[in-house]
Amino acid sequence: MGTNTGFGFRCLMIGAGLLVSSLAFQAAVPGVNGAAIFKKNCMMCHGTDGKGFPALKTPNFTDPKWQSSTKDKEMREVIKNGKKGTAMPAFGGQLKDEEISAVVAYVRSLKKK
C-alpha cells in the first residue's frame, strides 16, 4: 500500500508540473493568449509552426541562431512599428502592449520546438 501511495503522489506532482508548464507556455501575460494572437495575425506570413517562408523572407523563429540574436525589445518594436523594407506591418494600432508581450513570449517558446 505504501508503494502505491508514493507512486500516486509522484504522478500527481508530475501532472501539476506539466499543467503549470503548459500554462506558462501558452501566455506569459495572465489572461492574454500569445499563441492565439500569433495565429490570428502572424501565421499567414510566419507559418503555423513559426518557421517562416523563404519566398517571403520571413525569419524562422525556431532557429536557435535567430532566437539568440534577436532581443525581446527588438521584437516588440518590430511588432509595434513594422519593419521598413519588408512586408512586416505595424500592429501597434491593433494590439495592446500586453498582447505584444504575449506574442513575444510565444515566439520565444518556439525555440524549443
PDB file of N, CA and C in Angstrom:
ATOM      1  N   MET A   1       0.828  -1.197   0.000  1.00  0.00           N
ATOM      2  CA  MET A   1       0.000   0.000   0.000  1.00  0.00           C
ATOM      3  C   MET A   1       0.865   1.250   0.000  1.00  0.00           C
ATOM      4  N   GLY A   2       1.953   1.256   0.751  1.00  0.00           N
ATOM      5  CA  GLY A   2       2.839   2.414   0.806  1.00  0.00           C
ATOM      6  C   GLY A   2       3.482   2.726  -0.526  1.00  0.00           C
ATOM      7  N   THR A   3       3.772   1.709  -1.329  1.00  0.00           N
ATOM      8  CA  THR A   3       4.411   1.941  -2.622  1.00  0.00           C
ATOM      9  C   THR A   3       3.448   2.643  -3.576  1.00  0.00           C
ATOM     10  N   ASN A   4       2.191   2.224  -3.581  1.00  0.00           N
ATOM     11  CA  ASN A   4       1.210   2.854  -4.455  1.00  0.00           C
ATOM     12  C   ASN A   4       0.973   4.309  -4.072  1.00  0.00           C
ATOM     13  N   THR A   5       0.974   4.594  -2.790  1.00  0.00           N
ATOM     14  CA  THR A   5       0.778   5.971  -2.330  1.00  0.00           C
ATOM     15  C   THR A   5       1.907   6.856  -2.821  1.00  0.00           C
ATOM     16  N   GLY A   6       3.146   6.382  -2.709  1.00  0.00           N
ATOM     17  CA  GLY A   6       4.295   7.147  -3.197  1.00  0.00           C
ATOM     18  C   GLY A   6       4.228   7.351  -4.696  1.00  0.00           C
ATOM     19  N   PHE A   7       3.843   6.305  -5.420  1.00  0.00           N
ATOM     20  CA  PHE A   7       3.716   6.398  -6.864  1.00  0.00           C
ATOM     21  C   PHE A   7       2.636   7.402  -7.255  1.00  0.00           C
ATOM     22  N   GLY A   8       1.488   7.342  -6.571  1.00  0.00           N
ATOM     23  CA  GLY A   8       0.391   8.269  -6.852  1.00  0.00           C
ATOM     24  C   GLY A   8       0.789   9.711  -6.584  1.00  0.00           C
ATOM     25  N   PHE A   9       1.525   9.930  -5.499  1.00  0.00           N
ATOM     26  CA  PHE A   9       1.980  11.279  -5.178  1.00  0.00           C
ATOM     27  C   PHE A   9       2.928  11.800  -6.254  1.00  0.00           C
ATOM     28  N   ARG A  10       3.849  10.943  -6.710  1.00  0.00           N
ATOM     29  CA  ARG A  10       4.781  11.354  -7.773  1.00  0.00           C
ATOM     30  C   ARG A  10       4.021  11.703  -9.045  1.00  0.00           C
ATOM     31  N   CYS A  11       3.038  10.896  -9.402  1.00  0.00           N
ATOM     32  CA  CYS A  11       2.226  11.173 -10.599  1.00  0.00           C
ATOM     33  C   CYS A  11       1.487  12.505 -10.459  1.00  0.00           C
ATOM     34  N   LEU A  12       0.937  12.743  -9.280  1.00  0.00           N
ATOM     35  CA  LEU A  12       0.239  13.996  -9.018  1.00  0.00           C
ATOM     36  C   LEU A  12       1.175  15.190  -9.182  1.00  0.00           C
ATOM     37  N   MET A  13       2.375  15.080  -8.645  1.00  0.00           N
ATOM     38  CA  MET A  13       3.355  16.172  -8.725  1.00  0.00           C
ATOM     39  C   MET A  13       3.818  16.400 -10.166  1.00  0.00           C
ATOM     40  N   ILE A  14       4.023  15.331 -10.899  1.00  0.00           N
ATOM     41  CA  ILE A  14       4.411  15.460 -12.309  1.00  0.00           C
ATOM     42  C   ILE A  14       3.281  16.119 -13.090  1.00  0.00           C
ATOM     43  N   GLY A  15       2.054  15.688 -12.851  1.00  0.00           N
ATOM     44  CA  GLY A  15       0.899  16.289 -13.528  1.00  0.00           C
ATOM     45  C   GLY A  15       0.765  17.763 -13.226  1.00  0.00           C
ATOM     46  N   ALA A  16       0.962  18.145 -11.964  1.00  0.00           N
ATOM     47  CA  ALA A  16       0.877  19.555 -11.581  1.00  0.00           C
ATOM     48  C   ALA A  16       1.976  20.356 -12.274  1.00  0.00           C
ATOM     49  N   GLY A  17       3.172  19.779 -12.344  1.00  0.00           N
ATOM     50  CA  GLY A  17       4.282  20.462 -13.026  1.00  0.00           C
ATOM     51  C   GLY A  17       3.999  20.653 -14.497  1.00  0.00           C
ATOM     52  N   LEU A  18       3.427  19.647 -15.147  1.00  0.00           N
ATOM     53  CA  LEU A  18       3.088  19.765 -16.564  1.00  0.00           C
ATOM     54  C   LEU A  18       2.011  20.815 -16.793  1.00  0.00           C
ATOM     55  N   LEU A  19       1.034  20.863 -15.911  1.00  0.00           N
ATOM     56  CA  LEU A  19      -0.026  21.859 -16.028  1.00  0.00           C
ATOM     57  C   LEU A  19       0.548  23.267 -15.927  1.00  0.00           C
ATOM     58  N   VAL A  20       1.379  23.507 -14.933  1.00  0.00           N
ATOM     59  CA  VAL A  20       1.993  24.827 -14.752  1.00  0.00           C
ATOM     60  C   VAL A  20       2.841  25.177 -15.960  1.00  0.00           C
ATOM     61  N   SER A  21       3.622  24.230 -16.467  1.00  0.00           N
ATOM     62  CA  SER A  21       4.471  24.471 -17.634  1.00  0.00           C
ATOM     63  C   SER A  21       3.639  24.813 -18.849  1.00  0.00           C
ATOM     64  N   SER A  22       2.537  24.102 -19.062  1.00  0.00           N
ATOM     65  CA  SER A  22       1.725  24.371 -20.240  1.00  0.00           C
ATOM     66  C   SER A  22       1.049  25.728 -20.148  1.00  0.00           C
ATOM     67  N   LEU A  23       0.642  26.123 -18.962  1.00  0.00           N
ATOM     68  CA  LEU A  23       0.039  27.449 -18.805  1.00  0.00           C
ATOM     69  C   LEU A  23       1.062  28.544 -19.062  1.00  0.00           C
ATOM     70  N   ALA A  24       2.271  28.381 -18.590  1.00  0.00           N
ATOM     71  CA  ALA A  24       3.322  29.369 -18.827  1.00  0.00           C
ATOM     72  C   ALA A  24       3.675  29.415 -20.304  1.00  0.00           C
ATOM     73  N   PHE A  25       3.630  28.271 -20.959  1.00  0.00           N
ATOM     74  CA  PHE A  25       3.945  28.187 -22.382  1.00  0.00           C
ATOM     75  C   PHE A  25       2.917  28.947 -23.212  1.00  0.00           C
ATOM     76  N   GLN A  26       1.647  28.859 -22.835  1.00  0.00           N
ATOM     77  CA  GLN A  26       0.594  29.467 -23.627  1.00  0.00           C
ATOM     78  C   GLN A  26       0.619  30.985 -23.579  1.00  0.00           C
ATOM     79  N   ALA A  27       0.937  31.564 -22.454  1.00  0.00           N
ATOM     80  CA  ALA A  27       0.950  33.016 -22.359  1.00  0.00           C
ATOM     81  C   ALA A  27       1.791  33.450 -21.180  1.00  0.00           C
ATOM     82  N   ALA A  28       2.664  34.385 -21.421  1.00  0.00           N
ATOM     83  CA  ALA A  28       3.489  34.918 -20.341  1.00  0.00           C
ATOM     84  C   ALA A  28       2.738  36.015 -19.603  1.00  0.00           C
ATOM     85  N   VAL A  29       1.681  36.512 -20.210  1.00  0.00           N
ATOM     86  CA  VAL A  29       0.891  37.579 -19.626  1.00  0.00           C
ATOM     87  C   VAL A  29      -0.463  36.988 -19.220  1.00  0.00           C
ATOM     88  N   PRO A  30      -0.817  37.067 -17.936  1.00  0.00           N
ATOM     89  CA  PRO A  30      -2.079  36.487 -17.485  1.00  0.00           C
ATOM     90  C   PRO A  30      -3.271  36.998 -18.286  1.00  0.00           C
ATOM     91  N   GLY A  31      -4.095  36.078 -18.752  1.00  0.00           N
ATOM     92  CA  GLY A  31      -5.304  36.443 -19.480  1.00  0.00           C
ATOM     93  C   GLY A  31      -5.090  36.778 -20.942  1.00  0.00           C
ATOM     94  N   VAL A  32      -3.847  36.738 -21.422  1.00  0.00           N
ATOM     95  CA  VAL A  32      -3.565  37.061 -22.820  1.00  0.00           C
ATOM     96  C   VAL A  32      -2.916  35.840 -23.463  1.00  0.00           C
ATOM     97  N   ASN A  33      -3.491  35.352 -24.544  1.00  0.00           N
ATOM     98  CA  ASN A  33      -3.007  34.149 -25.209  1.00  0.00           C
ATOM     99  C   ASN A  33      -2.172  34.529 -26.432  1.00  0.00           C
ATOM    100  N   GLY A  34      -0.860  34.518 -26.262  1.00  0.00           N
ATOM    101  CA  GLY A  34       0.057  34.883 -27.340  1.00  0.00           C
ATOM    102  C   GLY A  34      -0.067  33.975 -28.545  1.00  0.00           C
ATOM    103  N   ALA A  35      -0.322  32.677 -28.317  1.00  0.00           N
ATOM    104  CA  ALA A  35      -0.470  31.732 -29.424  1.00  0.00           C
ATOM    105  C   ALA A  35      -1.684  32.082 -30.285  1.00  0.00           C
ATOM    106  N   ALA A  36      -2.778  32.452 -29.653  1.00  0.00           N
ATOM    107  CA  ALA A  36      -3.991  32.814 -30.396  1.00  0.00           C
ATOM    108  C   ALA A  36      -3.785  34.106 -31.190  1.00  0.00           C
ATOM    109  N   ILE A  37      -3.095  35.060 -30.597  1.00  0.00           N
ATOM    110  CA  ILE A  37      -2.820  36.324 -31.294  1.00  0.00           C
ATOM    111  C   ILE A  37      -1.902  36.055 -32.484  1.00  0.00           C
ATOM    112  N   PHE A  38      -0.887  35.209 -32.280  1.00  0.00           N
ATOM    113  CA  PHE A  38       0.020  34.834 -33.365  1.00  0.00           C
ATOM    114  C   PHE A  38      -0.768  34.174 -34.489  1.00  0.00           C
ATOM    115  N   LYS A  39      -1.633  33.235 -34.135  1.00  0.00           N
ATOM    116  CA  LYS A  39      -2.423  32.519 -35.135  1.00  0.00           C
ATOM    117  C   LYS A  39      -3.286  33.478 -35.950  1.00  0.00           C
ATOM    118  N   LYS A  40      -3.880  34.438 -35.288  1.00  0.00           N
ATOM    119  CA  LYS A  40      -4.778  35.384 -35.962  1.00  0.00           C
ATOM    120  C   LYS A  40      -4.026  36.393 -36.834  1.00  0.00           C
ATOM    121  N   ASN A  41      -2.874  36.881 -36.362  1.00  0.00           N
ATOM    122  CA  ASN A  41      -2.220  37.997 -37.033  1.00  0.00           C
ATOM    123  C   ASN A  41      -0.906  37.683 -37.750  1.00  0.00           C
ATOM    124  N   CYS A  42      -0.239  36.608 -37.371  1.00  0.00           N
ATOM    125  CA  CYS A  42       1.131  36.382 -37.837  1.00  0.00           C
ATOM    126  C   CYS A  42       1.307  35.129 -38.691  1.00  0.00           C
ATOM    127  N   MET A  43       0.428  34.171 -38.485  1.00  0.00           N
ATOM    128  CA  MET A  43       0.568  32.860 -39.099  1.00  0.00           C
ATOM    129  C   MET A  43       0.650  32.914 -40.627  1.00  0.00           C
ATOM    130  N   MET A  44      -0.076  33.808 -41.259  1.00  0.00           N
ATOM    131  CA  MET A  44      -0.114  33.834 -42.714  1.00  0.00           C
ATOM    132  C   MET A  44       1.258  34.126 -43.329  1.00  0.00           C
ATOM    133  N   CYS A  45       2.108  34.837 -42.623  1.00  0.00           N
ATOM    134  CA  CYS A  45       3.450  35.137 -43.136  1.00  0.00           C
ATOM    135  C   CYS A  45       4.557  34.343 -42.442  1.00  0.00           C
ATOM    136  N   HIS A  46       4.315  33.945 -41.203  1.00  0.00           N
ATOM    137  CA  HIS A  46       5.355  33.260 -40.436  1.00  0.00           C
ATOM    138  C   HIS A  46       5.099  31.763 -40.271  1.00  0.00           C
ATOM    139  N   GLY A  47       3.975  31.271 -40.811  1.00  0.00           N
ATOM    140  CA  GLY A  47       3.668  29.849 -40.768  1.00  0.00           C
ATOM    141  C   GLY A  47       3.058  29.415 -39.448  1.00  0.00           C
ATOM    142  N   THR A  48       2.363  28.293 -39.478  1.00  0.00           N
ATOM    143  CA  THR A  48       1.710  27.784 -38.273  1.00  0.00           C
ATOM    144  C   THR A  48       2.726  27.346 -37.229  1.00  0.00           C
ATOM    145  N   ASP A  49       3.916  26.962 -37.702  1.00  0.00           N
ATOM    146  CA  ASP A  49       4.958  26.478 -36.798  1.00  0.00           C
ATOM    147  C   ASP A  49       6.024  27.525 -36.498  1.00  0.00           C
ATOM    148  N   GLY A  50       5.884  28.735 -37.089  1.00  0.00           N
ATOM    149  CA  GLY A  50       6.843  29.811 -36.848  1.00  0.00           C
ATOM    150  C   GLY A  50       8.130  29.682 -37.644  1.00  0.00           C
ATOM    151  N   LYS A  51       8.170  28.759 -38.580  1.00  0.00           N
ATOM    152  CA  LYS A  51       9.391  28.562 -39.363  1.00  0.00           C
ATOM    153  C   LYS A  51       9.515  29.528 -40.536  1.00  0.00           C
ATOM    154  N   GLY A  52       8.481  30.313 -40.784  1.00  0.00           N
ATOM    155  CA  GLY A  52       8.529  31.300 -41.850  1.00  0.00           C
ATOM    156  C   GLY A  52       8.467  30.668 -43.235  1.00  0.00           C
ATOM    157  N   PHE A  53       8.578  31.533 -44.240  1.00  0.00           N
ATOM    158  CA  PHE A  53       8.550  31.097 -45.631  1.00  0.00           C
ATOM    159  C   PHE A  53       9.709  31.773 -46.366  1.00  0.00           C
ATOM    160  N   PRO A  54      10.643  30.982 -46.884  1.00  0.00           N
ATOM    161  CA  PRO A  54      11.783  31.569 -47.589  1.00  0.00           C
ATOM    162  C   PRO A  54      11.373  32.521 -48.715  1.00  0.00           C
ATOM    163  N   ALA A  55      10.304  32.203 -49.439  1.00  0.00           N
ATOM    164  CA  ALA A  55       9.855  33.058 -50.539  1.00  0.00           C
ATOM    165  C   ALA A  55       9.435  34.440 -50.048  1.00  0.00           C
ATOM    166  N   LEU A  56       8.937  34.502 -48.821  1.00  0.00           N
ATOM    167  CA  LEU A  56       8.524  35.787 -48.238  1.00  0.00           C
ATOM    168  C   LEU A  56       9.658  36.445 -47.448  1.00  0.00           C
ATOM    169  N   LYS A  57      10.745  35.708 -47.271  1.00  0.00           N
ATOM    170  CA  LYS A  57      11.896  36.179 -46.500  1.00  0.00           C
ATOM    171  C   LYS A  57      11.531  36.482 -45.043  1.00  0.00           C
ATOM    172  N   THR A  58      10.643  35.648 -44.491  1.00  0.00           N
ATOM    173  CA  THR A  58      10.284  35.798 -43.081  1.00  0.00           C
ATOM    174  C   THR A  58      11.211  34.922 -42.241  1.00  0.00           C
ATOM    175  N   PRO A  59      11.580  35.384 -41.051  1.00  0.00           N
ATOM    176  CA  PRO A  59      12.535  34.625 -40.238  1.00  0.00           C
ATOM    177  C   PRO A  59      11.955  33.315 -39.710  1.00  0.00           C
ATOM    178  N   ASN A  60      12.849  32.395 -39.445  1.00  0.00           N
ATOM    179  CA  ASN A  60      12.496  31.116 -38.829  1.00  0.00           C
ATOM    180  C   ASN A  60      12.637  31.284 -37.331  1.00  0.00           C
ATOM    181  N   PHE A  61      11.520  31.413 -36.632  1.00  0.00           N
ATOM    182  CA  PHE A  61      11.538  31.654 -35.191  1.00  0.00           C
ATOM    183  C   PHE A  61      12.018  30.439 -34.392  1.00  0.00           C
ATOM    184  N   THR A  62      12.093  29.277 -35.033  1.00  0.00           N
ATOM    185  CA  THR A  62      12.572  28.078 -34.338  1.00  0.00           C
ATOM    186  C   THR A  62      14.090  27.943 -34.406  1.00  0.00           C
ATOM    187  N   ASP A  63      14.733  28.773 -35.205  1.00  0.00           N
ATOM    188  CA  ASP A  63      16.185  28.710 -35.394  1.00  0.00           C
ATOM    189  C   ASP A  63      16.914  29.268 -34.169  1.00  0.00           C
ATOM    190  N   PRO A  64      17.738  28.460 -33.512  1.00  0.00           N
ATOM    191  CA  PRO A  64      18.453  28.936 -32.321  1.00  0.00           C
ATOM    192  C   PRO A  64      19.309  30.180 -32.587  1.00  0.00           C
ATOM    193  N   LYS A  65      19.864  30.276 -33.786  1.00  0.00           N
ATOM    194  CA  LYS A  65      20.683  31.441 -34.138  1.00  0.00           C
ATOM    195  C   LYS A  65      19.824  32.714 -34.170  1.00  0.00           C
ATOM    196  N   TRP A  66      18.631  32.611 -34.760  1.00  0.00           N
ATOM    197  CA  TRP A  66      17.732  33.769 -34.787  1.00  0.00           C
ATOM    198  C   TRP A  66      17.301  34.112 -33.361  1.00  0.00           C
ATOM    199  N   GLN A  67      16.937  33.095 -32.593  1.00  0.00           N
ATOM    200  CA  GLN A  67      16.474  33.312 -31.216  1.00  0.00           C
ATOM    201  C   GLN A  67      17.540  34.023 -30.381  1.00  0.00           C
ATOM    202  N   SER A  68      18.793  33.606 -30.523  1.00  0.00           N
ATOM    203  CA  SER A  68      19.852  34.200 -29.687  1.00  0.00           C
ATOM    204  C   SER A  68      20.288  35.576 -30.174  1.00  0.00           C
ATOM    205  N   SER A  69      20.048  35.875 -31.436  1.00  0.00           N
ATOM    206  CA  SER A  69      20.499  37.165 -31.960  1.00  0.00           C
ATOM    207  C   SER A  69      19.420  38.254 -31.908  1.00  0.00           C
ATOM    208  N   THR A  70      18.205  37.889 -31.561  1.00  0.00           N
ATOM    209  CA  THR A  70      17.096  38.846 -31.539  1.00  0.00           C
ATOM    210  C   THR A  70      16.645  39.072 -30.097  1.00  0.00           C
ATOM    211  N   LYS A  71      16.681  40.312 -29.677  1.00  0.00           N
ATOM    212  CA  LYS A  71      16.288  40.686 -28.309  1.00  0.00           C
ATOM    213  C   LYS A  71      14.767  40.882 -28.238  1.00  0.00           C
ATOM    214  N   ASP A  72      14.203  40.676 -27.052  1.00  0.00           N
ATOM    215  CA  ASP A  72      12.765  40.888 -26.853  1.00  0.00           C
ATOM    216  C   ASP A  72      12.360  42.308 -27.221  1.00  0.00           C
ATOM    217  N   LYS A  73      13.166  43.276 -26.823  1.00  0.00           N
ATOM    218  CA  LYS A  73      12.863  44.686 -27.109  1.00  0.00           C
ATOM    219  C   LYS A  73      12.764  44.913 -28.621  1.00  0.00           C
ATOM    220  N   GLU A  74      13.671  44.296 -29.367  1.00  0.00           N
ATOM    221  CA  GLU A  74      13.657  44.430 -30.828  1.00  0.00           C
ATOM    222  C   GLU A  74      12.384  43.820 -31.411  1.00  0.00           C
ATOM    223  N   MET A  75      11.995  42.648 -30.909  1.00  0.00           N
ATOM    224  CA  MET A  75      10.752  42.021 -31.378  1.00  0.00           C
ATOM    225  C   MET A  75       9.550  42.908 -31.106  1.00  0.00           C
ATOM    226  N   ARG A  76       9.488  43.455 -29.885  1.00  0.00           N
ATOM    227  CA  ARG A  76       8.363  44.341 -29.545  1.00  0.00           C
ATOM    228  C   ARG A  76       8.295  45.528 -30.497  1.00  0.00           C
ATOM    229  N   GLU A  77       9.441  46.124 -30.787  1.00  0.00           N
ATOM    230  CA  GLU A  77       9.492  47.277 -31.691  1.00  0.00           C
ATOM    231  C   GLU A  77       9.002  46.906 -33.094  1.00  0.00           C
ATOM    232  N   VAL A  78       9.446  45.757 -33.599  1.00  0.00           N
ATOM    233  CA  VAL A  78       9.044  45.334 -34.942  1.00  0.00           C
ATOM    234  C   VAL A  78       7.550  45.028 -34.978  1.00  0.00           C
ATOM    235  N   ILE A  79       7.039  44.350 -33.970  1.00  0.00           N
ATOM    236  CA  ILE A  79       5.603  44.058 -33.939  1.00  0.00           C
ATOM    237  C   ILE A  79       4.809  45.354 -33.851  1.00  0.00           C
ATOM    238  N   LYS A  80       5.249  46.264 -33.029  1.00  0.00           N
ATOM    239  CA  LYS A  80       4.522  47.521 -32.826  1.00  0.00           C
ATOM    240  C   LYS A  80       4.612  48.451 -34.030  1.00  0.00           C
ATOM    241  N   ASN A  81       5.821  48.602 -34.602  1.00  0.00           N
ATOM    242  CA  ASN A  81       6.044  49.616 -35.637  1.00  0.00           C
ATOM    243  C   ASN A  81       6.269  49.072 -37.037  1.00  0.00           C
ATOM    244  N   GLY A  82       6.306  47.753 -37.197  1.00  0.00           N
ATOM    245  CA  GLY A  82       6.596  47.177 -38.501  1.00  0.00           C
ATOM    246  C   GLY A  82       8.093  47.212 -38.774  1.00  0.00           C
ATOM    247  N   LYS A  83       8.470  46.737 -39.966  1.00  0.00           N
ATOM    248  CA  LYS A  83       9.890  46.718 -40.318  1.00  0.00           C
ATOM    249  C   LYS A  83      10.060  47.281 -41.719  1.00  0.00           C
ATOM    250  N   LYS A  84      10.754  48.410 -41.803  1.00  0.00           N
ATOM    251  CA  LYS A  84      10.978  49.063 -43.103  1.00  0.00           C
ATOM    252  C   LYS A  84      11.687  48.133 -44.063  1.00  0.00           C
ATOM    253  N   GLY A  85      11.307  48.238 -45.321  1.00  0.00           N
ATOM    254  CA  GLY A  85      11.937  47.437 -46.358  1.00  0.00           C
ATOM    255  C   GLY A  85      11.452  46.001 -46.419  1.00  0.00           C
ATOM    256  N   THR A  86      10.444  45.672 -45.610  1.00  0.00           N
ATOM    257  CA  THR A  86       9.871  44.320 -45.612  1.00  0.00           C
ATOM    258  C   THR A  86       8.343  44.432 -45.662  1.00  0.00           C
ATOM    259  N   ALA A  87       7.706  43.297 -45.735  1.00  0.00           N
ATOM    260  CA  ALA A  87       6.237  43.268 -45.729  1.00  0.00           C
ATOM    261  C   ALA A  87       5.660  43.289 -44.317  1.00  0.00           C
ATOM    262  N   MET A  88       6.528  43.359 -43.300  1.00  0.00           N
ATOM    263  CA  MET A  88       6.052  43.323 -41.907  1.00  0.00           C
ATOM    264  C   MET A  88       5.315  44.606 -41.564  1.00  0.00           C
ATOM    265  N   PRO A  89       3.988  44.497 -41.330  1.00  0.00           N
ATOM    266  CA  PRO A  89       3.202  45.686 -40.987  1.00  0.00           C
ATOM    267  C   PRO A  89       3.313  46.032 -39.502  1.00  0.00           C
ATOM    268  N   ALA A  90       2.893  47.232 -39.174  1.00  0.00           N
ATOM    269  CA  ALA A  90       2.838  47.668 -37.774  1.00  0.00           C
ATOM    270  C   ALA A  90       1.534  47.183 -37.148  1.00  0.00           C
ATOM    271  N   PHE A  91       1.628  46.635 -35.944  1.00  0.00           N
ATOM    272  CA  PHE A  91       0.444  46.181 -35.217  1.00  0.00           C
ATOM    273  C   PHE A  91       0.176  47.033 -33.983  1.00  0.00           C
ATOM    274  N   GLY A  92       0.929  48.113 -33.816  1.00  0.00           N
ATOM    275  CA  GLY A  92       0.773  48.971 -32.654  1.00  0.00           C
ATOM    276  C   GLY A  92      -0.614  49.562 -32.509  1.00  0.00           C
ATOM    277  N   GLY A  93      -1.292  49.778 -33.609  1.00  0.00           N
ATOM    278  CA  GLY A  93      -2.643  50.322 -33.570  1.00  0.00           C
ATOM    279  C   GLY A  93      -3.703  49.270 -33.293  1.00  0.00           C
ATOM    280  N   GLN A  94      -3.333  48.000 -33.408  1.00  0.00           N
ATOM    281  CA  GLN A  94      -4.293  46.918 -33.231  1.00  0.00           C
ATOM    282  C   GLN A  94      -4.090  46.141 -31.926  1.00  0.00           C
ATOM    283  N   LEU A  95      -2.847  46.060 -31.475  1.00  0.00           N
ATOM    284  CA  LEU A  95      -2.547  45.247 -30.300  1.00  0.00           C
ATOM    285  C   LEU A  95      -2.103  46.117 -29.130  1.00  0.00           C
ATOM    286  N   LYS A  96      -2.544  45.747 -27.950  1.00  0.00           N
ATOM    287  CA  LYS A  96      -2.105  46.420 -26.729  1.00  0.00           C
ATOM    288  C   LYS A  96      -0.696  45.938 -26.388  1.00  0.00           C
ATOM    289  N   ASP A  97      -0.005  46.679 -25.541  1.00  0.00           N
ATOM    290  CA  ASP A  97       1.349  46.306 -25.138  1.00  0.00           C
ATOM    291  C   ASP A  97       1.389  44.909 -24.519  1.00  0.00           C
ATOM    292  N   GLU A  98       0.362  44.557 -23.719  1.00  0.00           N
ATOM    293  CA  GLU A  98       0.312  43.236 -23.096  1.00  0.00           C
ATOM    294  C   GLU A  98       0.196  42.137 -24.156  1.00  0.00           C
ATOM    295  N   GLU A  99      -0.559  42.410 -25.212  1.00  0.00           N
ATOM    296  CA  GLU A  99      -0.730  41.436 -26.283  1.00  0.00           C
ATOM    297  C   GLU A  99       0.574  41.262 -27.060  1.00  0.00           C
ATOM    298  N   ILE A 100       1.267  42.358 -27.299  1.00  0.00           N
ATOM    299  CA  ILE A 100       2.563  42.288 -27.979  1.00  0.00           C
ATOM    300  C   ILE A 100       3.544  41.479 -27.132  1.00  0.00           C
ATOM    301  N   SER A 101       3.567  41.722 -25.836  1.00  0.00           N
ATOM    302  CA  SER A 101       4.444  40.956 -24.942  1.00  0.00           C
ATOM    303  C   SER A 101       4.099  39.472 -24.960  1.00  0.00           C
ATOM    304  N   ALA A 102       2.810  39.147 -25.040  1.00  0.00           N
ATOM    305  CA  ALA A 102       2.390  37.744 -25.098  1.00  0.00           C
ATOM    306  C   ALA A 102       2.837  37.096 -26.406  1.00  0.00           C
ATOM    307  N   VAL A 103       2.810  37.838 -27.500  1.00  0.00           N
ATOM    308  CA  VAL A 103       3.290  37.312 -28.784  1.00  0.00           C
ATOM    309  C   VAL A 103       4.799  37.073 -28.711  1.00  0.00           C
ATOM    310  N   VAL A 104       5.526  38.001 -28.121  1.00  0.00           N
ATOM    311  CA  VAL A 104       6.975  37.829 -27.957  1.00  0.00           C
ATOM    312  C   VAL A 104       7.259  36.562 -27.138  1.00  0.00           C
ATOM    313  N   ALA A 105       6.518  36.366 -26.062  1.00  0.00           N
ATOM    314  CA  ALA A 105       6.698  35.165 -25.234  1.00  0.00           C
ATOM    315  C   ALA A 105       6.384  33.905 -26.043  1.00  0.00           C
ATOM    316  N   TYR A 106       5.354  33.964 -26.855  1.00  0.00           N
ATOM    317  CA  TYR A 106       5.008  32.815 -27.681  1.00  0.00           C
ATOM    318  C   TYR A 106       6.116  32.528 -28.701  1.00  0.00           C
ATOM    319  N   VAL A 107       6.623  33.562 -29.346  1.00  0.00           N
ATOM    320  CA  VAL A 107       7.706  33.381 -30.319  1.00  0.00           C
ATOM    321  C   VAL A 107       8.922  32.772 -29.626  1.00  0.00           C
ATOM    322  N   ARG A 108       9.222  33.213 -28.411  1.00  0.00           N
ATOM    323  CA  ARG A 108      10.326  32.626 -27.647  1.00  0.00           C
ATOM    324  C   ARG A 108      10.094  31.143 -27.370  1.00  0.00           C
ATOM    325  N   SER A 109       8.850  30.767 -27.156  1.00  0.00           N
ATOM    326  CA  SER A 109       8.542  29.359 -26.878  1.00  0.00           C
ATOM    327  C   SER A 109       8.778  28.467 -28.090  1.00  0.00           C
ATOM    328  N   LEU A 110       8.819  29.035 -29.274  1.00  0.00           N
ATOM    329  CA  LEU A 110       9.011  28.255 -30.488  1.00  0.00           C
ATOM    330  C   LEU A 110      10.426  27.719 -30.622  1.00  0.00           C
ATOM    331  N   LYS A 111      11.369  28.285 -29.900  1.00  0.00           N
ATOM    332  CA  LYS A 111      12.761  27.807 -29.978  1.00  0.00           C
ATOM    333  C   LYS A 111      12.903  26.383 -29.465  1.00  0.00           C
ATOM    334  N   LYS A 112      11.958  25.939 -28.692  1.00  0.00           N
ATOM    335  CA  LYS A 112      12.006  24.595 -28.117  1.00  0.00           C
ATOM    336  C   LYS A 112      11.415  23.547 -29.033  1.00  0.00           C
ATOM    337  N   LYS A 113      10.766  23.978 -30.101  1.00  0.00           N
ATOM    338  CA  LYS A 113      10.089  23.021 -30.991  1.00  0.00           C
ATOM    339  C   LYS A 113      11.012  22.518 -32.065  1.00  0.00           C
TER     340      LYS A 113
END
